[in-house]
Amino acid sequence: MELSDVQSVVERLYGEADRDRGIPATVAWLCEELGELAQAVRKGTRDEQLHELGDVLAWLASLANQIDLSLEDAFRRYVEDPPL
């Protein structure tokens, strides 16, 4: 699956509700999910880590959709001119 596919799936499933929730709330949810991922990495099982990683990716895709940016475009610099 490409990153654009991730954004499309999130848009199809949650786009309208996410836009209604708004960008500030989406950022708050993303931060909460990052915290849950950190906890899973420290003390969780591999399945819990995978679950939380998916949640973070979904919320990041939601944010990208709401601000009309492409995750692929955002990541392209790591291919073309990676920060060292």
Protein backbone atom coordinates (compact mmCIF):
# COMPACT_ATOMS: atom_id res chain seq x y z
CA MET A 1 0.00 0.00 0.00
CA GLU A 2 1.27 3.45 -0.93
CA LEU A 3 0.99 6.43 1.40
CA SER A 4 -1.55 7.96 -0.98
CA ASP A 5 -3.66 4.82 -0.53
CA VAL A 6 -3.49 5.29 3.24
CA GLN A 7 -4.77 8.83 2.86
CA SER A 8 -7.55 7.67 0.54
CA VAL A 9 -8.72 4.95 2.94
CA VAL A 10 -8.74 7.36 5.89
CA GLU A 11 -10.61 9.93 3.82
CA ARG A 12 -13.22 7.40 2.75
CA LEU A 13 -13.74 6.03 6.25
CA TYR A 14 -13.40 9.15 8.41
CA GLY A 15 -13.03 12.23 6.20
CA GLU A 16 -16.33 13.95 6.92
CA ALA A 17 -16.21 13.26 10.67
CA ASP A 18 -12.57 14.31 10.85
CA ARG A 19 -13.27 17.62 9.10
CA ASP A 20 -16.22 18.22 11.44
CA ARG A 21 -13.91 17.53 14.42
CA GLY A 22 -11.37 20.01 13.04
CA ILE A 23 -7.62 20.37 12.89
CA PRO A 24 -6.95 21.25 16.56
CA ALA A 25 -8.82 18.16 17.77
CA THR A 26 -7.11 16.00 15.17
CA VAL A 27 -3.71 17.19 16.37
CA ALA A 28 -4.75 16.42 19.95
CA TRP A 29 -5.82 12.89 18.96
CA LEU A 30 -2.57 12.39 17.04
CA CYS A 31 -0.59 13.42 20.12
CA GLU A 32 -2.62 11.06 22.29
CA GLU A 33 -1.96 8.19 19.89
CA LEU A 34 1.76 9.01 19.89
CA GLY A 35 1.71 8.68 23.66
CA GLU A 36 -0.05 5.33 23.41
CA LEU A 37 2.54 4.18 20.87
CA ALA A 38 5.36 5.24 23.19
CA GLN A 39 3.76 3.27 26.01
CA ALA A 40 3.33 0.22 23.77
CA VAL A 41 6.96 0.41 22.65
CA ARG A 42 8.13 0.57 26.27
CA LYS A 43 5.85 -2.02 27.83
CA GLY A 44 3.52 -3.51 25.24
CA THR A 45 3.42 -6.59 23.11
CA ARG A 46 4.32 -6.64 19.44
CA ASP A 47 0.59 -6.76 18.61
CA GLU A 48 -0.08 -3.69 20.77
CA GLN A 49 2.82 -1.85 19.12
CA LEU A 50 1.49 -2.70 15.66
CA HIS A 51 -2.00 -1.55 16.66
CA GLU A 52 -0.76 1.80 17.99
CA LEU A 53 1.52 2.33 14.99
CA GLY A 54 -1.53 1.94 12.76
CA ASP A 55 -3.48 4.43 14.86
CA VAL A 56 -0.69 7.01 14.58
CA LEU A 57 -0.51 6.55 10.82
CA ALA A 58 -4.28 6.92 10.48
CA TRP A 59 -4.38 10.15 12.51
CA LEU A 60 -1.37 11.51 10.59
CA ALA A 61 -3.17 10.73 7.32
CA SER A 62 -6.29 12.46 8.64
CA LEU A 63 -4.29 15.57 9.47
CA ALA A 64 -2.59 15.55 6.07
CA ASN A 65 -5.99 15.27 4.39
CA GLN A 66 -7.41 18.16 6.39
CA ILE A 67 -4.52 20.49 5.57
CA ASP A 68 -4.55 19.28 1.95
CA LEU A 69 -1.00 17.91 1.91
CA SER A 70 0.36 14.62 0.65
CA LEU A 71 2.25 12.27 2.95
CA GLU A 72 4.18 11.11 -0.10
CA ASP A 73 5.23 14.69 -0.87
CA ALA A 74 6.19 15.21 2.77
CA PHE A 75 8.34 12.09 2.83
CA ARG A 76 9.93 12.70 -0.58
CA ARG A 77 12.75 14.76 0.96
CA TYR A 78 13.96 11.63 2.76
CA VAL A 79 14.46 10.05 -0.66
CA GLU A 80 15.83 13.06 -2.52
CA ASP A 81 17.83 14.90 0.16
CA PRO A 82 17.68 13.12 3.50
CA PRO A 83 18.57 15.13 6.59
CA LEU A 84 21.73 13.77 8.15
